[in-house]
Amino acid sequence: MQLTLKTFLERTESFLPQNEIVSRQADGQLFRYHYADYCRRTRQLASALARLGVKPGDRVATLGWNTYRHMELYFAVPCLGAILHTVNIRLSDQHIAYIMNHAEDVVLFVDPDLLPTVQRVASSVRSLRHIIVMDDRPASPDDLDYESFLATGDADFAFPEIEEKSPCGMCFTSATTGDPKGVVYTQRGLYLHTLAVCLRDVLAIGEHDTVLPVVPMFHANSWGLPHAAVAVGATTVLPGPHATAADILDLIEAERVTFCAAAVTIGVELYAQLQKRSRDISSLRGLMLGGSATPEALMRRFQNEYNVPIITAWGATEAAPLATSTHVGRSVFEAGSEERIKTRVRQGIPIPGVELKVLDDSGKPVPRDDRHPGEVYVRGPWIATEYYRDSRSRDSFADGWWRSGDIATQGSEGSIRLVDRAKDLVKSGGEWISSVDLENELAACPGVLEAAVVAMPDARWQERPVAFVVPLQESGELDPNMLSAWLARRFAKWWIPDRFVVVAALPKTGVGKVDKRTLRQRAAGLAL
């Protein structure tokens, strides 16, 4: 048997057809249907694409939100043998045009509110032949709408037999520097990644779950949750376009969501919204936060105030995306919630199927003493071994290992603790300062909701840290002397930021991470 995604679809189609998919629409209303309908429409969509001339190996792009139509494409395209290219809707027009040209996309599916972007870039995408609007009516006489296109397909379409090493997905990095880099996923890779996500000691996604993937479907396979949900027939709740923290909490409460996944910055917004208006989120067995290290203070707030554990992991676009998870061993679990939090705040151990090593500057493994930092390397059946047609591969891959650029320490049991991105470390007077450690401690300070630390140029010390801090209350004020004293409890004097800048919000990237490049530019201005 070939390890391909269609086997997951066929299993749920045959044995769990009555489980439900719920999708929040642009007007806030909820669309509901069953997996029986989902699987029928997915076959019909694959058939329509085949009749359009899409062949195995062709790239089909999406520019869309987390909706049921986008989820249909998640299986229709790879089950046809084509390659699903999920385009990051928050990239610049220049980068969107670049990655679509680099991927050579032939068909583009787009949500209606994103048509202005398509109108700006489509003429510069040389390979693009068809644009289909993910709606039930055409946006203009020249457009083909999704439902009319779907009607051209056969609901009894038989998926072709596909070789498991065939490419089936493509995602580009979010381009913090230079052009985005493409990562291609194979059928076998995503199949094995899906099985790993469903393991009890990873995310434990099962048929009894109601899963809410807030993490965008255009980013790193939505952390594998759409594939996992279909594989096990879990009830799936999709937040739709422009969902706010309030919308997400309303969905958790109304649909009794058991597992939700989002960026750390979204977790901060969820907590702030809960302080404004209470919701019943007791159904949650876990809130997965990623994209950056989760502050311990945020974990404590959710655990102590709402009895919701924060689940953490580590990975990247290159890892499809999961490479590690924070497994709470039996001895730690029995020791109580405080010890569990100390484990969960780390990025964990490699999930089954992944190999991991942390190497110092000389290429030697760091001691497992949690004091010596090094760069994290990983390899495995779903980890990339190169970028798509990109000469930068030689700098990021070595002997099958992906060099992550993330700096971490390892504890005695092997779990990693993210110290920083290599480019985000502050080098002051020849010594390294971890922005992550400072951010986590600031987030625990009374009155602080969120914080980010970046390097500011300094004539004497080369670099000095500057902290951008968001108050917990909208009208709150934060005293820099108080913040400095709070950090001095734990850190040496030379670690303390030279400046504390109080801001209403931190800038975010297209995938919800704090935009440190923008903050570094602002910090450089402060140094003048």
Protein backbone atom coordinates (compact mmCIF):
# COMPACT_ATOMS: atom_id res chain seq x y z
CA MET A 1 0.00 0.00 0.00
CA GLN A 2 1.23 3.47 -0.91
CA LEU A 3 1.25 6.02 1.93
CA THR A 4 -0.90 8.72 0.35
CA LEU A 5 -3.41 11.25 1.63
CA LYS A 6 -6.36 9.70 -0.19
CA THR A 7 -6.33 6.75 2.24
CA PHE A 8 -7.28 9.16 5.06
CA LEU A 9 -10.16 10.62 3.07
CA GLU A 10 -11.46 7.21 2.06
CA ARG A 11 -11.35 5.96 5.66
CA THR A 12 -13.47 8.81 7.00
CA GLU A 13 -15.75 8.63 3.96
CA SER A 14 -16.45 4.95 4.68
CA PHE A 15 -16.55 4.84 8.47
CA LEU A 16 -17.18 8.33 9.90
CA PRO A 17 -19.38 10.13 7.35
CA GLN A 18 -21.76 11.70 9.88
CA ASN A 19 -19.17 13.74 11.77
CA GLU A 20 -19.38 17.46 11.19
CA ILE A 21 -17.44 20.39 9.72
CA VAL A 22 -18.46 23.89 10.83
CA SER A 23 -17.22 26.94 8.93
CA ARG A 24 -17.72 30.54 9.99
CA GLN A 25 -18.72 32.70 7.03
CA ALA A 26 -17.73 36.28 6.21
CA ASP A 27 -21.04 37.54 7.67
CA GLY A 28 -20.46 35.63 10.93
CA GLN A 29 -23.05 32.95 10.16
CA LEU A 30 -22.06 29.29 10.48
CA PHE A 31 -22.12 26.82 7.59
CA ARG A 32 -22.44 23.17 8.62
CA TYR A 33 -22.13 19.93 6.72
CA HIS A 34 -21.01 16.35 7.29
CA TYR A 35 -17.90 14.49 6.17
CA ALA A 36 -20.11 12.59 3.72
CA ASP A 37 -20.77 15.91 1.97
CA TYR A 38 -17.15 16.98 2.34
CA CYS A 39 -15.81 13.81 0.73
CA ARG A 40 -18.38 13.92 -2.08
CA ARG A 41 -17.53 17.54 -2.87
CA THR A 42 -13.79 16.82 -2.65
CA ARG A 43 -14.12 14.09 -5.28
CA GLN A 44 -16.23 16.41 -7.41
CA LEU A 45 -13.63 19.16 -7.11
CA ALA A 46 -10.80 16.82 -8.13
CA SER A 47 -12.86 15.75 -11.13
CA ALA A 48 -13.54 19.36 -12.12
CA LEU A 49 -9.82 20.15 -11.93
CA ALA A 50 -9.00 17.13 -14.10
CA ARG A 51 -11.57 18.25 -16.69
CA LEU A 52 -9.98 21.71 -16.58
CA GLY A 53 -6.73 20.10 -17.66
CA VAL A 54 -4.89 19.96 -14.34
CA LYS A 55 -2.45 17.06 -14.44
CA PRO A 56 -0.35 15.28 -11.80
CA GLY A 57 2.53 17.54 -10.83
CA ASP A 58 0.73 20.77 -11.78
CA ARG A 59 0.66 23.48 -9.12
CA VAL A 60 -2.72 24.71 -7.91
CA ALA A 61 -2.53 27.80 -5.71
CA THR A 62 -4.87 29.08 -3.03
CA LEU A 63 -5.21 32.59 -1.66
CA GLY A 64 -7.70 32.08 1.11
CA TRP A 65 -8.82 31.93 4.73
CA ASN A 66 -9.66 28.93 6.93
CA THR A 67 -12.93 27.85 5.31
CA TYR A 68 -14.61 24.62 4.26
CA ARG A 69 -13.86 25.29 0.59
CA HIS A 70 -10.17 25.75 1.35
CA MET A 71 -10.27 22.50 3.32
CA GLU A 72 -11.80 20.73 0.31
CA LEU A 73 -8.83 21.86 -1.74
CA TYR A 74 -6.49 20.46 0.94
CA PHE A 75 -7.46 16.96 -0.25
CA ALA A 76 -8.88 17.39 -3.76
CA VAL A 77 -5.62 18.72 -5.22
CA PRO A 78 -3.16 16.17 -3.74
CA CYS A 79 -5.58 13.25 -4.22
CA LEU A 80 -5.64 14.17 -7.92
CA GLY A 81 -1.84 14.01 -7.94
CA ALA A 82 -1.36 17.75 -8.30
CA ILE A 83 0.51 20.03 -5.88
CA LEU A 84 -1.37 22.36 -3.52
CA HIS A 85 0.47 25.66 -3.15
CA THR A 86 -0.99 27.66 -0.25
CA VAL A 87 -0.02 31.29 -0.78
CA ASN A 88 0.51 33.51 2.26
CA ILE A 89 -2.14 36.21 1.84
CA ARG A 90 -0.14 38.66 3.96
CA LEU A 91 2.97 38.72 1.82
CA SER A 92 3.65 41.80 -0.27
CA ASP A 93 2.39 41.88 -3.86
CA GLN A 94 6.00 41.57 -5.00
CA HIS A 95 6.55 38.40 -2.98
CA ILE A 96 3.20 36.87 -3.98
CA ALA A 97 4.05 37.37 -7.64
CA TYR A 98 7.54 35.97 -7.02
CA ILE A 99 6.40 32.74 -5.36
CA MET A 100 3.59 32.11 -7.85
CA ASN A 101 6.02 32.54 -10.73
CA HIS A 102 8.63 30.41 -8.97
CA ALA A 103 6.07 27.66 -8.32
CA GLU A 104 4.61 28.02 -11.85
CA ASP A 105 1.03 27.91 -10.59
CA VAL A 106 -1.52 27.11 -13.31
CA VAL A 107 -4.77 27.59 -11.34
CA LEU A 108 -5.56 29.97 -8.49
CA PHE A 109 -8.46 29.70 -6.03
CA VAL A 110 -9.11 32.99 -4.23
CA ASP A 111 -11.51 34.20 -1.56
CA PRO A 112 -13.70 37.13 -2.71
CA ASP A 113 -12.21 39.75 -0.40
CA LEU A 114 -8.71 38.94 -1.68
CA LEU A 115 -9.53 39.60 -5.33
CA PRO A 116 -7.89 43.07 -5.24
CA THR A 117 -4.56 41.35 -4.55
CA VAL A 118 -5.10 39.00 -7.50
CA GLN A 119 -6.02 41.90 -9.76
CA ARG A 120 -2.72 43.56 -8.90
CA VAL A 121 -0.46 40.52 -9.40
CA ALA A 122 -2.19 38.14 -11.85
CA SER A 123 -0.88 39.77 -15.02
CA SER A 124 2.70 39.24 -13.85
CA VAL A 125 2.24 35.50 -13.14
CA ARG A 126 3.23 33.98 -16.46
CA SER A 127 1.99 30.42 -15.88
CA LEU A 128 -1.48 31.26 -14.49
CA ARG A 129 -4.33 30.02 -16.72
CA HIS A 130 -7.44 30.03 -14.53
CA ILE A 131 -8.75 32.00 -11.53
CA ILE A 132 -11.66 30.59 -9.51
CA VAL A 133 -13.38 32.66 -6.82
CA MET A 134 -14.28 30.69 -3.68
CA ASP A 135 -17.88 31.86 -3.55
CA ASP A 136 -21.29 30.70 -4.76
CA ARG A 137 -21.68 33.55 -7.23
CA PRO A 138 -19.31 35.26 -9.68
CA ALA A 139 -17.68 38.48 -8.53
CA SER A 140 -17.78 39.74 -12.12
CA PRO A 141 -18.86 38.40 -15.54
CA ASP A 142 -15.26 37.35 -16.21
CA ASP A 143 -14.90 35.26 -13.04
CA LEU A 144 -15.70 31.59 -12.51
CA ASP A 145 -17.22 30.97 -9.10
CA TYR A 146 -16.39 27.92 -7.01
CA GLU A 147 -19.85 26.36 -6.92
CA SER A 148 -20.37 26.63 -10.69
CA PHE A 149 -16.93 25.15 -11.23
CA LEU A 150 -17.65 22.36 -8.74
CA ALA A 151 -20.82 21.46 -10.67
CA THR A 152 -18.71 20.53 -13.70
CA GLY A 153 -17.15 17.64 -11.77
CA ASP A 154 -18.23 14.06 -11.05
CA ALA A 155 -19.10 13.32 -7.40
CA ASP A 156 -18.18 9.64 -8.00
CA PHE A 157 -14.75 10.48 -9.37
CA ALA A 158 -12.16 7.80 -8.60
CA PHE A 159 -8.86 9.19 -7.38
CA PRO A 160 -5.86 7.91 -9.35
CA GLU A 161 -3.21 5.70 -7.81
CA ILE A 162 -0.29 7.90 -6.82
CA GLU A 163 3.29 7.02 -5.92
CA GLU A 164 3.91 7.93 -2.28
CA LYS A 165 7.08 9.88 -2.99
CA SER A 166 5.23 12.20 -5.35
CA PRO A 167 5.11 15.88 -4.39
CA CYS A 168 1.69 16.99 -3.16
CA GLY A 169 2.13 20.29 -1.32
CA MET A 170 4.15 23.47 -1.42
CA CYS A 171 4.61 26.34 1.01
CA PHE A 172 7.02 29.26 1.00
CA THR A 173 8.72 30.74 4.03
CA SER A 174 7.46 34.11 5.20
CA ALA A 175 10.49 36.05 3.91
CA THR A 176 11.81 37.96 6.90
CA THR A 177 14.88 38.59 4.73
CA GLY A 178 15.22 38.21 0.96
CA ASP A 179 12.76 36.34 -1.26
CA PRO A 180 10.61 33.56 0.24
CA LYS A 181 12.03 30.05 -0.02
CA GLY A 182 9.87 27.19 -1.29
CA VAL A 183 9.41 23.89 0.52
CA VAL A 184 7.84 20.91 -1.24
CA TYR A 185 6.02 18.15 0.69
CA THR A 186 5.52 14.58 -0.52
CA GLN A 187 2.51 12.31 -0.06
CA ARG A 188 4.54 10.01 2.18
CA GLY A 189 5.90 12.91 4.21
CA LEU A 190 2.50 14.43 4.97
CA TYR A 191 1.02 10.98 5.61
CA LEU A 192 3.64 10.21 8.27
CA HIS A 193 3.44 13.74 9.71
CA THR A 194 -0.32 13.28 10.08
CA LEU A 195 0.11 10.00 11.95
CA ALA A 196 2.63 11.68 14.26
CA VAL A 197 0.27 14.59 15.00
CA CYS A 198 -2.42 12.12 16.05
CA LEU A 199 -0.15 10.26 18.49
CA ARG A 200 -1.13 10.43 22.17
CA ASP A 201 2.22 11.92 23.15
CA VAL A 202 2.17 14.58 20.43
CA LEU A 203 -1.16 16.41 19.83
CA ALA A 204 -3.43 13.39 20.39
CA ILE A 205 -5.93 14.43 17.71
CA GLY A 206 -8.75 11.89 17.72
CA GLU A 207 -12.27 11.32 16.49
CA HIS A 208 -13.74 12.58 19.77
CA ASP A 209 -12.07 15.97 19.34
CA THR A 210 -13.56 19.18 18.08
CA VAL A 211 -10.61 20.92 16.48
CA LEU A 212 -10.35 24.67 15.82
CA PRO A 213 -7.29 25.55 13.68
CA VAL A 214 -6.83 29.31 14.03
CA VAL A 215 -3.33 29.00 12.58
CA PRO A 216 -3.80 29.97 8.91
CA MET A 217 -4.30 27.28 6.29
CA PHE A 218 -1.93 29.28 4.09
CA HIS A 219 0.90 28.75 6.60
CA ALA A 220 2.78 25.47 7.05
CA ASN A 221 -0.23 23.21 6.44
CA SER A 222 -2.12 24.84 9.32
CA TRP A 223 0.26 22.85 11.54
CA GLY A 224 -1.10 19.61 10.06
CA LEU A 225 -4.51 19.94 11.69
CA PRO A 226 -6.71 19.74 8.54
CA HIS A 227 -4.95 16.52 7.50
CA ALA A 228 -5.23 15.08 11.01
CA ALA A 229 -8.90 16.02 11.37
CA VAL A 230 -9.83 14.32 8.11
CA ALA A 231 -7.68 11.29 8.93
CA VAL A 232 -9.56 10.57 12.17
CA GLY A 233 -12.90 12.21 11.36
CA ALA A 234 -12.62 14.82 14.11
CA THR A 235 -15.27 17.52 14.19
CA THR A 236 -13.65 20.56 12.62
CA VAL A 237 -14.48 24.21 13.29
CA LEU A 238 -13.03 26.74 10.86
CA PRO A 239 -12.85 30.42 11.91
CA GLY A 240 -13.27 31.89 8.42
CA PRO A 241 -12.10 35.33 7.28
CA HIS A 242 -11.02 38.13 9.62
CA ALA A 243 -11.84 36.24 12.83
CA THR A 244 -11.09 38.29 15.94
CA ALA A 245 -10.13 36.98 19.37
CA ALA A 246 -13.75 37.52 20.40
CA ASP A 247 -14.97 35.47 17.42
CA ILE A 248 -12.59 32.63 18.29
CA LEU A 249 -13.70 32.54 21.92
CA ASP A 250 -17.35 32.56 20.86
CA LEU A 251 -16.69 29.55 18.63
CA ILE A 252 -14.88 27.70 21.42
CA GLU A 253 -17.82 28.28 23.75
CA ALA A 254 -20.63 27.57 21.26
CA GLU A 255 -19.10 24.51 19.56
CA ARG A 256 -17.46 23.06 22.70
CA VAL A 257 -14.04 23.01 21.03
CA THR A 258 -11.57 20.61 22.65
CA PHE A 259 -8.38 21.59 20.83
CA CYS A 260 -7.43 25.00 19.46
CA ALA A 261 -4.16 26.01 17.80
CA ALA A 262 -2.91 29.54 17.16
CA ALA A 263 0.15 31.79 17.23
CA VAL A 264 1.41 32.93 20.63
CA THR A 265 0.33 36.46 19.78
CA ILE A 266 -3.24 35.20 19.29
CA GLY A 267 -3.04 33.48 22.68
CA VAL A 268 -2.16 36.85 24.21
CA GLU A 269 -5.18 38.43 22.49
CA LEU A 270 -7.46 35.61 23.68
CA TYR A 271 -6.41 36.17 27.28
CA ALA A 272 -6.90 39.94 26.99
CA GLN A 273 -10.37 39.39 25.52
CA LEU A 274 -11.29 36.98 28.32
CA GLN A 275 -10.45 39.73 30.79
CA LYS A 276 -12.97 41.97 29.07
CA ARG A 277 -15.78 39.41 28.78
CA SER A 278 -15.83 35.94 30.26
CA ARG A 279 -16.53 32.86 28.09
CA ASP A 280 -16.95 29.21 28.98
CA ILE A 281 -13.81 27.60 27.55
CA SER A 282 -13.92 24.61 29.89
CA SER A 283 -14.28 22.22 26.93
CA LEU A 284 -10.66 22.88 25.91
CA ARG A 285 -8.28 20.03 26.75
CA GLY A 286 -5.49 22.07 25.24
CA LEU A 287 -4.62 25.37 23.60
CA MET A 288 -1.63 24.96 21.33
CA LEU A 289 0.45 28.11 20.87
CA GLY A 290 3.40 28.36 18.52
CA GLY A 291 5.42 30.54 16.22
CA SER A 292 7.59 31.71 19.11
CA ALA A 293 8.29 30.70 22.71
CA THR A 294 5.19 30.92 24.91
CA PRO A 295 5.75 33.14 27.97
CA GLU A 296 5.51 31.19 31.20
CA ALA A 297 3.27 33.93 32.61
CA LEU A 298 0.70 33.33 29.85
CA MET A 299 0.77 29.60 30.59
CA ARG A 300 0.12 30.24 34.25
CA ARG A 301 -2.76 32.60 33.49
CA PHE A 302 -4.58 30.06 31.33
CA GLN A 303 -3.82 27.15 33.66
CA ASN A 304 -4.65 28.88 36.94
CA GLU A 305 -7.59 31.00 35.82
CA TYR A 306 -9.24 28.73 33.22
CA ASN A 307 -7.76 25.27 33.83
CA VAL A 308 -6.58 25.18 30.21
CA PRO A 309 -3.08 23.80 29.61
CA ILE A 310 -0.95 25.42 26.92
CA ILE A 311 0.53 22.86 24.55
CA THR A 312 3.81 23.79 22.91
CA ALA A 313 5.86 22.36 20.10
CA TRP A 314 8.57 23.51 17.75
CA GLY A 315 8.98 23.36 14.01
CA ALA A 316 8.86 25.40 10.83
CA THR A 317 7.70 25.44 7.23
CA GLU A 318 10.71 23.22 6.49
CA ALA A 319 9.39 20.64 8.98
CA ALA A 320 5.82 20.42 7.61
CA PRO A 321 5.78 21.91 10.37
CA LEU A 322 6.15 19.86 13.59
CA ALA A 323 9.53 18.52 14.74
CA THR A 324 9.24 18.48 18.55
CA SER A 325 6.52 18.55 21.17
CA THR A 326 6.51 19.06 24.92
CA HIS A 327 5.72 15.65 26.27
CA VAL A 328 4.89 15.74 29.98
CA GLY A 329 6.30 12.50 31.37
CA ARG A 330 4.49 10.54 34.06
CA SER A 331 6.80 11.63 36.87
CA VAL A 332 6.36 15.31 35.96
CA PHE A 333 2.62 14.90 35.54
CA GLU A 334 2.28 13.38 38.99
CA ALA A 335 4.39 16.17 40.52
CA GLY A 336 1.64 18.74 39.95
CA SER A 337 0.72 21.69 37.74
CA GLU A 338 3.77 23.82 38.60
CA GLU A 339 6.18 21.13 37.38
CA ARG A 340 4.04 20.57 34.29
CA ILE A 341 4.30 24.25 33.40
CA LYS A 342 8.10 24.10 33.75
CA THR A 343 8.05 21.32 31.14
CA ARG A 344 5.44 22.87 28.86
CA VAL A 345 7.32 26.17 28.64
CA ARG A 346 10.10 24.30 26.82
CA GLN A 347 9.96 23.23 23.18
CA GLY A 348 10.23 19.55 24.06
CA ILE A 349 11.73 16.43 22.54
CA PRO A 350 11.63 15.21 18.93
CA ILE A 351 8.36 13.63 17.98
CA PRO A 352 8.57 9.98 16.82
CA GLY A 353 10.20 9.87 13.41
CA VAL A 354 12.38 12.95 13.86
CA GLU A 355 16.07 13.11 14.77
CA LEU A 356 17.43 16.19 16.54
CA LYS A 357 20.81 17.54 17.59
CA VAL A 358 22.01 20.84 19.06
CA LEU A 359 25.48 21.85 17.90
CA ASP A 360 27.81 24.59 19.10
CA ASP A 361 29.82 26.87 16.81
CA SER A 362 32.48 24.21 16.37
CA GLY A 363 29.92 21.62 15.24
CA LYS A 364 30.01 19.59 18.46
CA PRO A 365 26.88 18.55 20.44
CA VAL A 366 26.22 20.84 23.39
CA PRO A 367 26.17 19.31 26.89
CA ARG A 368 22.74 18.47 28.26
CA ASP A 369 23.09 20.94 31.10
CA ASP A 370 20.62 23.61 29.94
CA ARG A 371 23.42 26.19 30.00
CA HIS A 372 25.29 25.82 26.72
CA PRO A 373 23.36 27.10 23.68
CA GLY A 374 23.68 25.80 20.15
CA GLU A 375 21.86 25.67 16.82
CA VAL A 376 19.07 23.11 16.41
CA TYR A 377 19.39 20.62 13.53
CA VAL A 378 16.64 18.15 12.57
CA ARG A 379 15.98 15.49 9.96
CA GLY A 380 13.19 13.04 9.30
CA PRO A 381 10.78 11.66 6.67
CA TRP A 382 8.79 14.90 6.46
CA ILE A 383 11.67 17.35 7.02
CA ALA A 384 12.84 19.19 3.90
CA THR A 385 16.28 18.40 2.48
CA GLU A 386 16.41 21.39 0.11
CA TYR A 387 14.52 24.47 -0.99
CA TYR A 388 12.64 24.38 -4.28
CA ARG A 389 15.04 25.40 -7.04
CA ASP A 390 16.95 27.72 -4.73
CA SER A 391 20.71 28.12 -4.39
CA ARG A 392 20.26 29.05 -0.72
CA SER A 393 19.78 25.36 0.04
CA ARG A 394 23.52 24.94 0.48
CA ASP A 395 23.49 27.24 3.51
CA SER A 396 20.54 25.56 5.26
CA PHE A 397 20.96 21.82 4.67
CA ALA A 398 23.82 19.45 5.38
CA ASP A 399 23.86 15.65 4.95
CA GLY A 400 20.06 15.46 5.19
CA TRP A 401 19.88 17.73 8.24
CA TRP A 402 18.04 21.05 8.20
CA ARG A 403 19.87 23.84 10.02
CA SER A 404 17.05 25.73 11.71
CA GLY A 405 18.82 28.93 12.75
CA ASP A 406 17.11 28.57 16.14
CA ILE A 407 19.35 28.67 19.20
CA ALA A 408 18.47 26.37 22.12
CA THR A 409 19.84 24.60 25.14
CA GLN A 410 19.17 20.96 26.06
CA GLY A 411 18.15 19.69 29.46
CA SER A 412 19.34 16.49 31.05
CA GLU A 413 16.38 14.57 29.61
CA GLY A 414 17.07 15.95 26.10
CA SER A 415 14.27 18.49 25.79
CA ILE A 416 15.20 21.74 24.12
CA ARG A 417 14.58 25.25 25.44
CA LEU A 418 14.45 27.92 22.78
CA VAL A 419 16.89 30.70 23.60
CA ASP A 420 16.44 32.82 20.49
CA ARG A 421 16.66 33.01 16.76
CA ALA A 422 20.32 33.46 15.87
CA LYS A 423 19.50 36.80 14.27
CA ASP A 424 17.53 37.97 17.34
CA LEU A 425 20.25 37.46 19.94
CA VAL A 426 21.63 40.74 21.27
CA LYS A 427 25.44 40.88 21.32
CA SER A 428 26.51 43.46 23.89
CA GLY A 429 30.20 43.95 24.66
CA GLY A 430 30.99 40.57 23.13
CA GLU A 431 28.40 38.74 25.31
CA TRP A 432 25.08 37.29 24.16
CA ILE A 433 21.72 38.37 25.63
CA SER A 434 18.60 36.29 24.97
CA SER A 435 15.65 38.38 23.85
CA VAL A 436 13.33 35.43 24.60
CA ASP A 437 14.39 35.24 28.27
CA LEU A 438 13.84 38.98 28.73
CA GLU A 439 10.47 38.86 26.96
CA ASN A 440 9.24 35.97 29.08
CA GLU A 441 10.18 37.74 32.30
CA LEU A 442 8.59 41.01 31.19
CA ALA A 443 5.38 39.15 30.31
CA ALA A 444 5.23 37.97 33.92
CA CYS A 445 5.47 41.51 35.28
CA PRO A 446 2.21 42.83 36.78
CA GLY A 447 0.47 45.14 34.31
CA VAL A 448 2.27 43.76 31.23
CA LEU A 449 0.37 41.93 28.49
CA GLU A 450 3.10 41.39 25.92
CA ALA A 451 6.72 42.38 25.29
CA ALA A 452 9.37 42.19 22.58
CA VAL A 453 13.09 42.83 22.91
CA VAL A 454 15.42 43.72 20.03
CA ALA A 455 18.95 45.01 19.58
CA MET A 456 19.66 48.73 19.37
CA PRO A 457 23.00 49.85 17.85
CA ASP A 458 25.43 51.20 20.44
CA ALA A 459 28.74 52.94 19.77
CA ARG A 460 30.40 51.54 22.90
CA TRP A 461 28.85 48.07 23.35
CA GLN A 462 28.03 47.24 19.69
CA GLU A 463 24.42 46.45 20.63
CA ARG A 464 22.13 47.07 23.60
CA PRO A 465 18.65 45.62 24.23
CA VAL A 466 15.54 47.79 23.96
CA ALA A 467 12.14 46.51 25.13
CA PHE A 468 8.78 47.32 23.55
CA VAL A 469 6.03 46.65 26.10
CA VAL A 470 2.23 46.46 25.80
CA PRO A 471 0.19 47.24 28.96
CA LEU A 472 -2.40 44.73 30.13
CA GLN A 473 -5.07 47.44 30.22
CA GLU A 474 -5.64 49.71 27.22
CA SER A 475 -5.26 52.86 29.30
CA GLY A 476 -2.55 51.43 31.54
CA GLU A 477 0.79 53.06 32.18
CA LEU A 478 4.07 51.31 32.83
CA ASP A 479 6.97 52.82 34.75
CA PRO A 480 10.35 52.03 33.13
CA ASN A 481 12.00 52.03 36.54
CA MET A 482 9.53 49.41 37.74
CA LEU A 483 10.17 47.27 34.65
CA SER A 484 13.92 47.59 35.11
CA ALA A 485 13.67 46.61 38.77
CA TRP A 486 11.49 43.62 37.86
CA LEU A 487 14.14 42.29 35.46
CA ALA A 488 16.97 43.01 37.94
CA ARG A 489 15.49 40.35 40.23
CA ARG A 490 16.67 37.71 37.78
CA PHE A 491 19.19 39.15 35.34
CA ALA A 492 22.62 40.77 35.57
CA LYS A 493 22.70 44.54 35.23
CA TRP A 494 24.21 44.44 31.74
CA TRP A 495 21.21 42.38 30.51
CA ILE A 496 18.69 45.07 31.48
CA PRO A 497 17.36 46.99 28.43
CA ASP A 498 18.54 50.56 28.06
CA ARG A 499 15.10 51.67 26.89
CA PHE A 500 11.52 50.59 27.66
CA VAL A 501 9.06 51.80 25.03
CA VAL A 502 5.37 51.47 25.93
CA VAL A 503 3.23 50.75 22.86
CA ALA A 504 -0.46 49.98 22.30
CA ALA A 505 0.36 46.88 20.22
CA LEU A 506 3.32 45.06 18.73
CA PRO A 507 3.63 44.82 14.94
CA LYS A 508 2.93 41.33 13.57
CA THR A 509 4.10 39.41 10.50
CA GLY A 510 1.78 37.70 8.04
CA VAL A 511 1.75 34.53 10.14
CA GLY A 512 1.10 36.24 13.46
CA LYS A 513 4.64 36.45 14.84
CA VAL A 514 6.02 39.64 16.33
CA ASP A 515 7.64 41.58 13.50
CA LYS A 516 11.09 42.12 14.96
CA ARG A 517 12.48 43.56 11.75
CA THR A 518 10.11 46.51 12.10
CA LEU A 519 11.02 46.86 15.77
CA ARG A 520 14.74 46.75 14.98
CA GLN A 521 14.24 49.59 12.52
CA ARG A 522 12.44 51.59 15.19
CA ALA A 523 15.15 50.79 17.73
CA ALA A 524 17.81 51.99 15.30
CA GLY A 525 15.97 55.30 15.16
CA LEU A 526 16.07 55.55 18.95
CA ALA A 527 19.85 55.19 18.88
CA LEU A 528 20.34 58.29 16.69
